[in-house]
Protein backbone atom coordinates (compact mmCIF):
# COMPACT_ATOMS: atom_id res chain seq x y z
CA MET A 1 42.40 -150.09 88.24
CA THR A 2 43.68 -147.99 91.12
CA GLY A 3 46.01 -150.77 92.21
CA ILE A 4 47.34 -151.24 88.67
CA LEU A 5 48.01 -147.53 88.25
CA ALA A 6 49.74 -147.39 91.63
CA LEU A 7 51.95 -150.28 90.57
CA ALA A 8 52.82 -148.54 87.31
CA VAL A 9 53.67 -145.11 88.73
CA ALA A 10 54.94 -146.02 92.20
CA ALA A 11 56.16 -149.60 92.66
CA VAL A 12 58.06 -150.00 89.39
CA PRO A 13 60.16 -146.80 89.49
CA ALA A 14 60.72 -147.24 93.25
CA PHE A 15 61.93 -150.78 92.56
CA VAL A 16 64.28 -149.70 89.75
CA GLY A 17 65.72 -146.74 91.65
CA SER A 18 66.11 -148.70 94.89
CA THR A 19 67.86 -151.51 93.02
CA VAL A 20 70.56 -149.07 91.88
CA GLU A 21 71.06 -147.74 95.42
CA PHE A 22 71.12 -151.21 97.01
CA ILE A 23 73.69 -152.39 94.47
CA GLU A 24 75.98 -149.47 95.30
CA ALA A 25 75.68 -150.15 99.05
CA LEU A 26 76.22 -153.87 98.50
CA THR A 27 79.46 -153.22 96.62
CA VAL A 28 80.95 -151.32 99.57
CA VAL A 29 79.74 -153.82 102.17
CA LEU A 30 81.21 -156.68 100.13
CA ALA A 31 84.52 -154.83 99.86
CA VAL A 32 84.61 -154.35 103.64
CA GLY A 33 83.61 -157.94 104.34
CA THR A 34 86.17 -159.53 102.03
CA THR A 35 89.09 -157.34 103.13
CA ARG A 36 88.50 -156.52 106.81
CA GLY A 37 86.07 -159.18 107.98
CA TRP A 38 82.33 -159.65 107.95
CA ARG A 39 81.75 -158.72 111.57
CA ALA A 40 82.47 -155.02 111.03
CA ALA A 41 80.70 -154.99 107.65
CA LEU A 42 77.48 -156.55 108.93
CA TRP A 43 77.40 -154.49 112.13
CA GLY A 44 77.93 -151.31 110.12
CA ALA A 45 75.16 -152.15 107.66
CA ALA A 46 72.76 -153.25 110.44
CA LEU A 47 73.23 -150.13 112.56
CA ALA A 48 72.87 -147.95 109.47
CA CYS A 49 69.50 -149.59 108.81
CA MET A 50 68.46 -148.89 112.41
CA ALA A 51 69.54 -145.25 112.11
CA LEU A 52 67.66 -144.97 108.83
CA ALA A 53 64.50 -146.39 110.40
CA LEU A 54 64.79 -143.87 113.24
CA ILE A 55 65.19 -140.98 110.78
CA VAL A 56 62.11 -142.11 108.84
CA VAL A 57 60.03 -142.40 112.03
CA VAL A 58 61.09 -138.90 113.15
CA PHE A 59 60.17 -137.54 109.71
CA ILE A 60 56.73 -139.17 109.84
CA VAL A 61 56.08 -137.80 113.35
CA LEU A 62 57.12 -134.28 112.32
CA ALA A 63 54.96 -134.47 109.20
CA ALA A 64 51.96 -135.57 111.28
CA ALA A 65 52.57 -132.72 113.73
CA ILE A 66 52.73 -130.15 110.93
CA THR A 67 49.42 -131.33 109.48
CA THR A 68 47.68 -130.54 112.76
CA VAL A 69 48.69 -126.85 112.78
CA VAL A 70 48.62 -125.90 109.09
CA GLU A 71 45.54 -125.53 106.90
CA PRO A 72 45.30 -128.78 104.82
CA ALA A 73 44.78 -127.12 101.43
CA ARG A 74 47.64 -124.67 101.90
CA LEU A 75 49.89 -127.40 103.30
CA GLN A 76 49.18 -129.67 100.35
CA SER A 77 50.10 -126.97 97.82
CA ALA A 78 53.26 -126.06 99.71
CA LEU A 79 54.33 -129.70 99.98
CA LYS A 80 53.77 -130.26 96.28
CA VAL A 81 55.98 -127.29 95.44
CA ILE A 82 58.72 -128.34 97.87
CA ILE A 83 58.69 -132.04 97.02
CA GLY A 84 58.29 -131.34 93.30
CA SER A 85 61.28 -129.00 93.33
CA LEU A 86 63.40 -131.55 95.22
CA LEU A 87 62.38 -134.30 92.80
CA LEU A 88 63.27 -132.12 89.83
CA LEU A 89 66.69 -131.22 91.25
CA PHE A 90 67.43 -134.82 92.19
CA GLY A 91 66.16 -136.17 88.86
CA LEU A 92 68.09 -133.64 86.77
CA LYS A 93 71.25 -134.57 88.69
CA TRP A 94 70.83 -138.23 87.67
CA LEU A 95 69.84 -137.27 84.13
CA ARG A 96 72.83 -134.97 83.69
CA LYS A 97 75.28 -137.67 84.74
CA SER A 98 73.56 -140.27 82.56
CA ILE A 99 73.59 -137.96 79.54
CA LEU A 100 77.30 -137.24 79.98
CA ARG A 101 78.02 -140.95 80.30
CA PHE A 102 76.05 -141.97 77.24
CA ALA A 103 77.64 -139.13 75.26
CA GLY A 104 81.11 -140.40 76.19
CA ILE A 105 82.16 -137.31 78.13
CA VAL A 106 82.10 -139.02 81.54
CA ALA A 107 83.10 -142.65 82.05
CA ILE A 108 80.40 -145.29 82.32
CA HIS A 109 79.71 -146.36 85.91
CA ASP A 110 81.55 -149.63 86.51
CA GLU A 111 80.67 -151.50 89.72
CA GLU A 112 83.64 -153.88 89.41
CA LEU A 113 86.09 -150.98 89.26
CA ILE A 114 84.42 -149.33 92.26
CA TYR A 115 84.74 -152.61 94.17
CA GLN A 116 88.44 -152.92 93.31
CA ARG A 117 89.05 -149.32 94.36
CA GLU A 118 87.29 -149.83 97.70
CA VAL A 119 89.27 -153.01 98.34
CA ALA A 120 92.56 -151.24 97.57
CA GLU A 121 91.73 -148.31 99.85
CA LEU A 122 90.66 -150.58 102.70
CA ARG A 123 93.78 -152.72 102.42
CA ALA A 124 95.98 -149.61 102.33
CA GLN A 125 94.69 -148.63 105.79
CA GLY A 126 95.95 -151.87 107.31
CA LEU A 127 94.06 -154.49 109.27
CA THR A 128 93.09 -154.18 112.91
CA MET A 129 94.87 -156.94 114.81
CA ARG A 130 92.86 -156.61 118.01
CA GLY A 131 89.35 -155.62 118.95
CA PHE A 132 86.64 -154.28 116.71
CA ASP A 133 87.53 -152.97 113.24
CA ARG A 134 86.29 -149.38 113.39
CA VAL A 135 87.46 -148.54 109.88
CA GLY A 136 85.45 -151.32 108.24
CA PHE A 137 82.45 -150.57 110.45
CA PHE A 138 82.43 -146.87 109.56
CA VAL A 139 82.82 -147.47 105.81
CA ALA A 140 79.96 -150.00 105.75
CA PHE A 141 77.80 -147.81 108.00
CA GLN A 142 78.32 -144.68 105.89
CA ALA A 143 77.67 -146.39 102.56
CA THR A 144 74.53 -148.15 103.79
CA LEU A 145 73.13 -145.03 105.45
CA LEU A 146 73.72 -142.72 102.47
CA GLU A 147 72.27 -145.14 99.92
CA GLY A 148 69.42 -145.97 102.31
CA LEU A 149 68.51 -142.30 102.60
CA GLU A 150 68.23 -142.14 98.82
CA VAL A 151 65.99 -145.23 98.86
CA ALA A 152 63.77 -143.53 101.46
CA PHE A 153 63.66 -140.41 99.31
CA LEU A 154 62.64 -142.45 96.25
CA VAL A 155 59.86 -144.17 98.22
CA LEU A 156 58.53 -140.83 99.48
CA ALA A 157 58.83 -139.37 95.98
CA PHE A 158 56.96 -142.07 94.09
CA GLY A 159 54.54 -142.79 96.93
CA GLY A 160 53.85 -139.12 97.59
CA ALA A 161 50.21 -139.48 96.55
CA GLY A 162 49.68 -141.56 99.69
CA GLY A 163 47.46 -144.57 100.24
CA VAL A 164 47.92 -147.30 97.64
CA ALA A 165 50.76 -145.41 95.94
CA MET A 166 52.84 -145.29 99.13
CA GLN A 167 52.21 -148.97 99.83
CA ALA A 168 53.21 -149.84 96.26
CA ALA A 169 56.42 -147.77 96.50
CA ILE A 170 57.36 -149.44 99.80
CA VAL A 171 56.74 -152.89 98.32
CA GLY A 172 58.86 -151.99 95.30
CA ALA A 173 61.78 -150.84 97.47
CA ILE A 174 61.55 -153.89 99.76
CA ALA A 175 61.48 -156.22 96.76
CA ALA A 176 64.57 -154.52 95.34
CA GLY A 177 66.40 -154.91 98.65
CA ILE A 178 65.52 -158.61 98.96
CA ILE A 179 66.60 -159.38 95.40
CA VAL A 180 69.89 -157.45 95.55
CA ILE A 181 70.89 -158.76 98.98
CA SER A 182 69.98 -162.34 98.02
CA ALA A 183 72.01 -162.07 94.82
CA GLY A 184 74.96 -160.60 96.74
CA VAL A 185 74.87 -163.39 99.33
CA ALA A 186 74.64 -166.06 96.62
CA LEU A 187 77.35 -164.65 94.32
CA LYS A 188 79.61 -163.05 96.96
CA GLN A 189 80.70 -160.48 94.38
CA PRO A 190 79.47 -157.13 93.00
CA LEU A 191 76.49 -157.21 90.66
CA THR A 192 78.28 -156.00 87.55
CA ARG A 193 75.83 -157.21 84.91
CA VAL A 194 72.92 -155.04 86.04
CA PRO A 195 72.44 -152.14 83.56
CA GLU A 196 72.88 -149.47 86.25
CA ASN A 197 73.44 -146.59 83.84
CA ALA A 198 70.25 -147.24 81.87
CA MET A 199 68.33 -147.69 85.13
CA LYS A 200 69.67 -144.42 86.52
CA PHE A 201 68.68 -142.65 83.32
CA ALA A 202 65.13 -144.02 83.52
CA VAL A 203 64.73 -143.11 87.19
CA GLY A 204 66.24 -139.66 86.59
CA ALA A 205 63.71 -139.04 83.84
CA LEU A 206 60.87 -140.29 86.06
CA LEU A 207 61.95 -138.14 89.01
CA SER A 208 62.17 -135.08 86.77
CA THR A 209 58.76 -135.87 85.33
CA PHE A 210 57.11 -136.19 88.74
CA GLY A 211 58.95 -133.07 89.89
CA VAL A 212 57.57 -130.94 87.06
CA PHE A 213 54.09 -132.40 87.52
CA TRP A 214 53.82 -131.88 91.30
CA ALA A 215 55.56 -128.50 91.37
CA GLY A 216 53.19 -127.36 88.64
CA GLU A 217 50.19 -128.57 90.63
CA GLY A 218 51.51 -126.78 93.71
CA PHE A 219 51.67 -123.53 91.73
CA GLY A 220 48.10 -124.04 90.50
CA VAL A 221 48.73 -125.56 87.07
CA GLU A 222 45.84 -127.74 85.86
CA TRP A 223 47.36 -130.49 83.77
CA PRO A 224 45.22 -131.74 80.86
CA ALA A 225 44.06 -135.33 81.43
CA ASP A 226 45.42 -135.07 84.99
CA ALA A 227 47.82 -137.97 85.79
CA ALA A 228 47.89 -139.06 82.14
CA SER A 229 50.01 -135.96 81.50
CA LEU A 230 52.84 -137.79 83.25
CA LEU A 231 53.27 -139.99 80.17
CA VAL A 232 53.63 -136.96 77.90
CA LEU A 233 56.06 -135.25 80.29
CA PHE A 234 58.12 -138.43 80.57
CA ALA A 235 58.29 -138.80 76.79
CA LEU A 236 59.38 -135.18 76.41
CA MET A 237 62.04 -135.64 79.11
CA CYS A 238 63.45 -138.70 77.33
CA LEU A 239 63.37 -136.95 73.96
CA ALA A 240 65.19 -133.90 75.28
CA SER A 241 67.79 -136.15 76.94
CA TRP A 242 68.33 -138.13 73.73
CA ILE A 243 68.84 -134.90 71.79
CA CYS A 244 71.40 -133.78 74.38
CA VAL A 245 73.27 -137.09 74.10
CA ARG A 246 73.44 -136.81 70.30
CA MET A 247 74.50 -133.19 70.36
CA LEU A 248 77.21 -133.69 72.99
CA GLY A 249 78.45 -136.86 71.31
CA SER A 250 78.78 -135.11 67.96
CA MET A 251 80.85 -132.36 69.57
CA LEU A 252 83.56 -134.75 70.79
CA PRO A 253 86.75 -134.87 68.71
CA GLN A 254 87.61 -138.16 67.00
CA GLY A 255 88.82 -140.71 69.57
CA ALA A 256 88.03 -138.48 72.54
CA ARG A 257 85.26 -140.68 73.97
CA VAL A 258 85.96 -141.58 77.61
CA GLU A 259 86.33 -145.29 78.28
CA ALA A 260 84.72 -147.03 81.23
CA ARG A 261 86.46 -146.30 84.50
CA ASN A 262 85.36 -145.19 87.94
CA ILE A 263 84.42 -141.50 87.89
């Protein structure tokens, strides 16, 4: 049962959230590769992955060092408050944007339009005739690193309980990366049919739910039914978001709904 629960509350949301981040990184890398050459795009993505791995290792070492000098019980409470607060802020950011999109106030995220914009911007900077393309390298490096940091954050967030939960979150993120990269290599175009907006909404609600739960535990709140309270909190988060979408949508003047474009 422990493995099944870990899969439900760690691997699945980590997989969904990581899929969104990998798709966004893939779009930029594809734009660089098709306009400025694959050498710069692949080197940028590869070095970004190396830098990300180094950052994660440093974080793990620092965390291990802190545990040796701080009282375990006090450290655990403090970490729950800090991580819970970060999860809540991060989750509410995703939820806010998703609510505005579904209400028609902000344009729906369109991966094809983002790809076309990246291609236009890269072409406008001109091609490097000699040597290594630093522009393409930097764009691919930056996109991969930023999205990778968010993947690492999602893994730490949903695997924060440690043990089986962390392993499940890592497996979920790795599976997302393999699937997205394989699809990108096979199709050689952005993954436009993936319901990114709905996935971001779900992950935003999950992050907010975990944030409230862990921050509450850090402050000494005893949740009824323990982890089962996550289901109730998640349902309340979705209900509140749905109410916000309906209210905001009803406030828009006739014909004022924003069409899909890259915002």
